[in-house]
């Protein structure tokens, strides 16, 4: 099990120092996200200011971009980093795609994402091997690649593609077609074991692959102090209010609570929501332990489930440096 880190929400000028510190600390990868900043630009700086550590997007919003945009960007980052870049894609939800990005929401989420992945690999194959580009699908017709627009072969052309998801269809697609799966932070070991891992396995069987062909990356909530417990309770209440994540609550028998949280969220009554998250609920979605036992408890909780772990808490140099180093050492030993 690898221990990765999440890049905090910072300006680009701060990324080099964080990248250097993350590699020195011992993280296997540093992940960016698409919330308040572009997810790809920091990766160029991480690649430049590290030597062995991987970097990737967790996630970049796929439906906000054409597959050609993604293909060129990932190709350049793979070349710059010497093959250390991981392309992590997520679909986002309909409201954000239509109203924040001004892009169309597809009739089939898995259908469009499948085609995006297929186009990416078709373009990479054309650039690396000279294969004729001829993709014709329901959402994309990509058939033109003249020499002037072909970036040419690179040393590390096999760019890993991870996709993110909460529900079974995307997990199945990851098993069938992808190199990895980013499990949503709003998750539990039971939901992984009973819902998502079987879906990944179903996809693996369809494509004739085995479990080791897909890397499962998780970003668990962790709390070692009362303040962290309060923060986790607030975040869990927020995620549990999202209708598309209700399946997670339903599995545990808490669907009614999810519906109540959705009502509060629709009214903007955020302060009322954490009170609905009981200690029992919190223990399912958040690992509450001590700093001394954190590494062992993480390994025990996610053994056989996750191949990579990124704490929900971003890595900020100068904050808990010794704690981070000890945690990374425990995973690397």
Protein backbone atom coordinates (compact mmCIF):
# COMPACT_ATOMS: atom_id res chain seq x y z
CA UNK A 1 0.00 0.00 0.00
CA UNK A 2 1.44 3.36 -1.07
CA UNK A 3 1.00 6.61 0.83
CA UNK A 4 0.33 9.63 -1.38
CA UNK A 5 -0.31 13.29 -0.60
CA UNK A 6 -2.85 15.87 -1.71
CA UNK A 7 -1.63 19.24 -2.92
CA UNK A 8 -3.22 22.03 -0.85
CA UNK A 9 -5.16 24.83 -2.52
CA UNK A 10 -2.29 27.20 -3.25
CA UNK A 11 -1.02 29.52 -5.96
CA UNK A 12 1.33 28.08 -8.59
CA UNK A 13 4.32 29.94 -7.16
CA UNK A 14 4.02 27.84 -4.00
CA UNK A 15 4.00 24.46 -5.75
CA UNK A 16 7.78 23.96 -6.24
CA UNK A 17 8.51 24.12 -2.51
CA UNK A 18 5.62 21.77 -1.71
CA UNK A 19 6.75 19.30 -4.38
CA UNK A 20 10.30 19.23 -3.00
CA UNK A 21 9.04 18.78 0.56
CA UNK A 22 6.60 16.04 -0.46
CA UNK A 23 9.34 14.01 -2.14
CA UNK A 24 11.71 14.52 0.80
CA UNK A 25 8.95 13.41 3.18
CA UNK A 26 8.61 10.13 1.30
CA UNK A 27 5.23 10.28 -0.43
CA UNK A 28 4.79 8.04 -3.47
CA UNK A 29 2.72 10.62 -5.38
CA UNK A 30 1.38 14.16 -5.10
CA UNK A 31 -2.17 14.61 -6.38
CA UNK A 32 -3.78 17.80 -7.65
CA UNK A 33 -7.51 18.51 -7.78
CA UNK A 34 -9.89 20.59 -9.84
CA UNK A 35 -11.75 22.79 -7.40
CA UNK A 36 -10.43 26.36 -7.29
CA UNK A 37 -7.48 25.95 -9.66
CA UNK A 38 -6.52 24.16 -12.87
CA UNK A 39 -5.37 20.61 -12.03
CA UNK A 40 -2.73 20.26 -14.76
CA UNK A 41 -0.58 23.37 -14.35
CA UNK A 42 0.78 22.34 -10.92
CA UNK A 43 1.84 18.98 -12.39
CA UNK A 44 4.42 20.69 -14.60
CA UNK A 45 6.00 22.23 -11.52
CA UNK A 46 5.80 19.02 -9.50
CA UNK A 47 7.55 17.17 -12.32
CA UNK A 48 10.23 19.85 -12.56
CA UNK A 49 10.94 19.96 -8.83
CA UNK A 50 10.94 16.25 -8.04
CA UNK A 51 12.87 13.26 -9.36
CA UNK A 52 11.10 10.03 -8.39
CA UNK A 53 7.70 10.95 -6.99
CA UNK A 54 4.65 10.45 -9.20
CA UNK A 55 2.10 13.19 -9.77
CA UNK A 56 -1.43 13.17 -11.13
CA UNK A 57 -4.89 14.67 -11.21
CA UNK A 58 -7.44 13.54 -8.65
CA UNK A 59 -9.33 14.62 -10.50
CA UNK A 60 -9.53 16.64 -13.73
CA UNK A 61 -13.12 17.16 -14.93
CA UNK A 62 -13.31 15.13 -18.12
CA UNK A 63 -16.64 16.42 -19.46
CA UNK A 64 -15.33 20.00 -19.32
CA UNK A 65 -12.71 19.11 -21.95
CA UNK A 66 -12.41 17.43 -25.31
CA UNK A 67 -10.43 14.18 -25.37
CA UNK A 68 -7.92 15.87 -27.69
CA UNK A 69 -7.22 18.56 -25.04
CA UNK A 70 -6.65 15.83 -22.48
CA UNK A 71 -4.49 13.78 -24.82
CA UNK A 72 -2.07 16.62 -25.62
CA UNK A 73 -1.75 17.76 -22.02
CA UNK A 74 -1.18 14.28 -20.63
CA UNK A 75 1.33 13.49 -23.39
CA UNK A 76 3.39 16.57 -22.58
CA UNK A 77 3.32 15.85 -18.85
CA UNK A 78 4.32 12.22 -19.38
CA UNK A 79 7.26 13.36 -21.49
CA UNK A 80 8.33 16.06 -19.05
CA UNK A 81 8.09 13.82 -15.97
CA UNK A 82 9.76 10.77 -17.48
CA UNK A 83 6.59 8.71 -17.20
CA UNK A 84 5.59 9.74 -13.68
CA UNK A 85 2.30 11.41 -14.62
CA UNK A 86 -1.07 9.76 -13.91
CA UNK A 87 -4.19 11.07 -15.65
CA UNK A 88 -7.09 10.95 -13.22
CA UNK A 89 -10.50 11.83 -14.64
CA UNK A 90 -13.88 12.50 -13.06
CA UNK A 91 -17.22 13.31 -14.63
CA UNK A 92 -18.51 15.79 -12.03
CA UNK A 93 -22.31 16.18 -11.81
CA UNK A 94 -24.81 17.60 -14.26
CA UNK A 95 -25.34 20.99 -12.61
CA UNK A 96 -21.62 21.80 -12.62
CA UNK A 97 -21.00 20.60 -16.17
CA UNK A 98 -23.91 22.62 -17.55
CA UNK A 99 -23.90 25.68 -15.29
CA UNK A 100 -20.25 26.05 -14.23
CA UNK A 101 -18.46 24.81 -17.34
CA UNK A 102 -21.16 25.54 -19.92
CA UNK A 103 -20.84 22.10 -21.48
CA UNK A 104 -23.50 19.54 -22.40
CA UNK A 105 -24.37 16.70 -20.05
CA UNK A 106 -24.41 13.36 -21.89
CA UNK A 107 -27.30 10.95 -22.12
CA UNK A 108 -24.93 8.23 -20.91
CA UNK A 109 -22.20 9.16 -18.44
CA UNK A 110 -20.33 5.88 -18.79
CA UNK A 111 -20.83 5.91 -22.56
CA UNK A 112 -19.22 9.30 -23.04
CA UNK A 113 -16.41 8.65 -20.54
CA UNK A 114 -15.69 5.31 -22.23
CA UNK A 115 -15.33 7.09 -25.58
CA UNK A 116 -13.10 9.78 -24.09
CA UNK A 117 -10.74 7.09 -22.80
CA UNK A 118 -10.80 5.26 -26.12
CA UNK A 119 -10.04 8.47 -28.03
CA UNK A 120 -7.14 9.26 -25.69
CA UNK A 121 -5.55 5.90 -26.33
CA UNK A 122 -6.22 6.08 -30.05
CA UNK A 123 -4.47 9.44 -30.27
CA UNK A 124 -1.54 8.26 -28.17
CA UNK A 125 -1.22 5.17 -30.35
CA UNK A 126 -1.21 7.35 -33.46
CA UNK A 127 1.53 9.58 -32.04
CA UNK A 128 3.67 6.75 -30.71
CA UNK A 129 3.25 4.11 -33.40
CA UNK A 130 1.99 5.94 -36.46
CA UNK A 131 -1.35 4.15 -36.33
CA UNK A 132 -4.04 5.74 -38.49
CA UNK A 133 -6.44 7.75 -36.31
CA UNK A 134 -9.96 6.59 -37.03
CA UNK A 135 -12.29 6.75 -34.04
CA UNK A 136 -16.02 6.83 -34.72
CA UNK A 137 -18.38 6.68 -31.77
CA UNK A 138 -21.66 8.09 -30.55
CA UNK A 139 -20.11 11.17 -28.95
CA UNK A 140 -16.88 11.64 -30.91
CA UNK A 141 -15.67 11.32 -34.47
CA UNK A 142 -11.88 11.76 -34.35
CA UNK A 143 -10.23 10.95 -37.66
CA UNK A 144 -7.77 13.76 -38.46
CA UNK A 145 -4.12 13.79 -37.38
CA UNK A 146 -1.83 15.46 -39.91
CA UNK A 147 1.94 15.48 -39.26
CA UNK A 148 1.96 19.16 -38.33
CA UNK A 149 -0.23 18.44 -35.28
CA UNK A 150 1.43 15.16 -34.26
CA UNK A 151 3.80 15.67 -31.29
CA UNK A 152 5.59 12.41 -32.04
CA UNK A 153 6.77 9.51 -29.91
CA UNK A 154 7.96 9.81 -26.32
CA UNK A 155 9.96 7.52 -24.02
CA UNK A 156 7.07 6.70 -21.68
CA UNK A 157 3.87 6.50 -23.75
CA UNK A 158 1.87 4.20 -21.45
CA UNK A 159 0.09 6.87 -19.42
CA UNK A 160 -2.03 5.40 -16.61
CA UNK A 161 -5.67 6.48 -16.65
CA UNK A 162 -7.63 6.47 -13.40
CA UNK A 163 -11.30 7.38 -13.20
CA UNK A 164 -13.24 8.45 -10.13
CA UNK A 165 -16.65 7.35 -9.00
CA UNK A 166 -19.10 6.67 -6.22
CA UNK A 167 -21.48 4.24 -7.88
CA UNK A 168 -21.13 0.89 -9.61
CA UNK A 169 -21.23 1.85 -13.29
CA UNK A 170 -18.05 3.88 -13.16
CA UNK A 171 -16.36 1.28 -10.95
CA UNK A 172 -17.21 -1.37 -13.53
CA UNK A 173 -15.83 0.84 -16.31
CA UNK A 174 -12.61 1.23 -14.33
CA UNK A 175 -12.28 -2.53 -14.08
CA UNK A 176 -12.93 -2.99 -17.76
CA UNK A 177 -10.90 -0.20 -19.28
CA UNK A 178 -8.72 1.74 -16.83
CA UNK A 179 -5.49 1.47 -14.89
CA UNK A 180 -6.92 2.79 -11.65
CA UNK A 181 -9.97 3.88 -9.71
CA UNK A 182 -10.18 6.93 -7.45
CA UNK A 183 -12.74 6.07 -4.79
CA UNK A 184 -14.64 9.08 -3.49
CA UNK A 185 -13.73 10.27 0.03
CA UNK A 186 -17.34 9.67 1.09
CA UNK A 187 -16.91 5.96 1.46
CA UNK A 188 -16.59 3.10 3.91
CA UNK A 189 -14.78 -0.25 3.95
CA UNK A 190 -18.16 -1.97 3.81
CA UNK A 191 -19.26 0.00 0.74
CA UNK A 192 -15.97 -0.81 -0.95
CA UNK A 193 -16.17 -4.52 -0.16
CA UNK A 194 -19.86 -5.02 -0.89
CA UNK A 195 -20.44 -2.59 -3.77
CA UNK A 196 -17.44 -1.05 -5.51
CA UNK A 197 -14.86 -3.84 -5.51
CA UNK A 198 -17.40 -6.37 -6.89
CA UNK A 199 -18.26 -3.85 -9.62
CA UNK A 200 -14.57 -3.43 -10.47
CA UNK A 201 -14.25 -7.22 -10.56
CA UNK A 202 -17.19 -7.45 -12.93
CA UNK A 203 -15.43 -5.06 -15.30
CA UNK A 204 -12.18 -7.00 -14.97
CA UNK A 205 -13.90 -10.22 -15.93
CA UNK A 206 -15.47 -8.57 -18.96
CA UNK A 207 -12.06 -7.52 -20.26
CA UNK A 208 -10.22 -10.66 -19.16
CA UNK A 209 -8.00 -8.85 -16.68
CA UNK A 210 -7.07 -9.49 -13.06
CA UNK A 211 -7.36 -7.39 -9.88
CA UNK A 212 -3.71 -6.37 -9.95
CA UNK A 213 -4.34 -4.59 -13.27
CA UNK A 214 -6.37 -1.87 -11.51
CA UNK A 215 -4.95 0.32 -8.75
CA UNK A 216 -7.55 1.37 -6.18
CA UNK A 217 -6.79 4.76 -4.67
CA UNK A 218 -8.67 5.94 -1.58
CA UNK A 219 -8.80 9.29 0.22
CA UNK A 220 -10.14 8.50 3.68
CA UNK A 221 -11.23 10.88 6.38
CA UNK A 222 -8.89 10.57 9.37
CA UNK A 223 -9.23 12.22 12.77
CA UNK A 224 -6.75 12.12 15.64
CA UNK A 225 -7.96 15.21 17.56
CA UNK A 226 -11.36 16.59 18.63
CA UNK A 227 -10.98 19.40 16.10
CA UNK A 228 -10.40 16.90 13.28
CA UNK A 229 -13.41 14.89 14.40
CA UNK A 230 -15.56 18.01 14.15
CA UNK A 231 -14.24 18.79 10.68
CA UNK A 232 -14.85 15.22 9.51
CA UNK A 233 -18.41 15.29 10.84
CA UNK A 234 -19.07 18.49 8.89
CA UNK A 235 -17.60 17.09 5.66
CA UNK A 236 -19.48 13.82 5.97
CA UNK A 237 -22.74 15.70 6.44
CA UNK A 238 -22.03 17.71 3.30
CA UNK A 239 -21.26 14.69 1.14
CA UNK A 240 -24.15 12.68 2.58
CA UNK A 241 -26.56 15.43 1.48
CA UNK A 242 -25.68 14.89 -2.20
CA UNK A 243 -28.42 12.83 -3.89
CA UNK A 244 -26.01 11.03 -6.24
CA UNK A 245 -24.08 9.72 -3.21
CA UNK A 246 -27.18 8.41 -1.42
CA UNK A 247 -26.34 4.79 -2.26
CA UNK A 248 -23.55 4.91 0.31
CA UNK A 249 -25.98 5.92 3.05
CA UNK A 250 -28.61 3.46 1.84
CA UNK A 251 -26.24 0.51 2.24
CA UNK A 252 -25.83 1.34 5.92
CA UNK A 253 -29.57 1.91 6.45
CA UNK A 254 -29.27 5.68 6.73
CA UNK A 255 -31.18 6.74 3.64
CA UNK A 256 -33.69 8.74 5.70
CA UNK A 257 -30.87 10.80 7.18
CA UNK A 258 -29.48 11.47 3.70
CA UNK A 259 -32.87 12.81 2.61
CA UNK A 260 -33.07 15.10 5.64
CA UNK A 261 -29.56 16.38 4.92
CA UNK A 262 -30.55 17.11 1.32
CA UNK A 263 -33.43 19.26 2.54
CA UNK A 264 -31.11 21.26 4.82
CA UNK A 265 -28.60 21.66 1.97
CA UNK A 266 -31.29 22.91 -0.43
CA UNK A 267 -32.15 25.64 2.09
CA UNK A 268 -28.53 26.53 2.73
CA UNK A 269 -28.84 25.52 6.37
CA UNK A 270 -25.33 24.07 6.55
CA UNK A 271 -24.90 24.56 10.29
CA UNK A 272 -27.76 22.18 11.08
CA UNK A 273 -26.35 19.27 9.09
CA UNK A 274 -23.42 17.95 11.20
CA UNK A 275 -25.79 17.30 14.10
CA UNK A 276 -27.49 14.58 12.04
CA UNK A 277 -24.25 12.61 11.70
CA UNK A 278 -24.16 10.23 14.67
CA UNK A 279 -20.99 8.78 16.16
CA UNK A 280 -21.89 5.44 14.56
CA UNK A 281 -22.13 7.05 11.14
CA UNK A 282 -18.90 8.94 11.63
CA UNK A 283 -17.01 5.79 12.59
CA UNK A 284 -18.02 4.20 9.29
CA UNK A 285 -16.78 7.10 7.17
CA UNK A 286 -13.86 8.36 9.24
CA UNK A 287 -10.96 6.56 10.90
CA UNK A 288 -10.74 7.95 14.42
CA UNK A 289 -7.51 6.94 16.12
CA UNK A 290 -4.33 8.32 17.68
CA UNK A 291 -1.37 9.73 15.80
CA UNK A 292 0.78 6.88 17.11
CA UNK A 293 -1.57 4.19 15.79
CA UNK A 294 -2.60 5.90 12.56
CA UNK A 295 -0.34 4.00 10.15
CA UNK A 296 -1.20 0.59 11.58
CA UNK A 297 -4.90 1.38 11.73
CA UNK A 298 -4.93 2.64 8.14
CA UNK A 299 -3.27 -0.54 6.92
CA UNK A 300 -5.65 -2.68 8.96
CA UNK A 301 -8.77 -0.79 7.83
CA UNK A 302 -7.93 -0.79 4.13
CA UNK A 303 -5.96 -4.03 3.77
CA UNK A 304 -7.21 -5.84 0.68
CA UNK A 305 -9.21 -2.78 -0.35
CA UNK A 306 -6.84 0.05 -1.28
CA UNK A 307 -3.53 0.02 -3.12
CA UNK A 308 -2.90 3.73 -2.56
CA UNK A 309 -3.94 5.97 0.34
CA UNK A 310 -4.13 9.77 0.33
CA UNK A 311 -5.33 11.38 3.54
CA UNK A 312 -8.17 13.85 3.02
CA UNK A 313 -5.99 16.37 4.86
CA UNK A 314 -3.69 18.13 2.33
CA UNK A 315 0.06 18.09 2.85
CA UNK A 316 1.27 21.53 3.97
CA UNK A 317 5.02 21.86 4.62
CA UNK A 318 5.69 23.41 7.99
CA UNK A 319 2.58 21.84 9.51
CA UNK A 320 3.15 18.52 11.28
CA UNK A 321 6.35 17.81 9.33
CA UNK A 322 7.63 15.16 11.74
CA UNK A 323 4.20 13.53 11.88
CA UNK A 324 4.07 13.30 8.07
CA UNK A 325 7.61 11.90 7.89
CA UNK A 326 6.86 9.23 10.47
CA UNK A 327 3.67 8.27 8.67
CA UNK A 328 5.45 8.00 5.32
CA UNK A 329 8.25 6.00 6.91
CA UNK A 330 5.74 3.55 8.34
CA UNK A 331 4.33 2.95 4.86
CA UNK A 332 7.74 2.71 3.19
CA UNK A 333 9.30 0.35 5.70
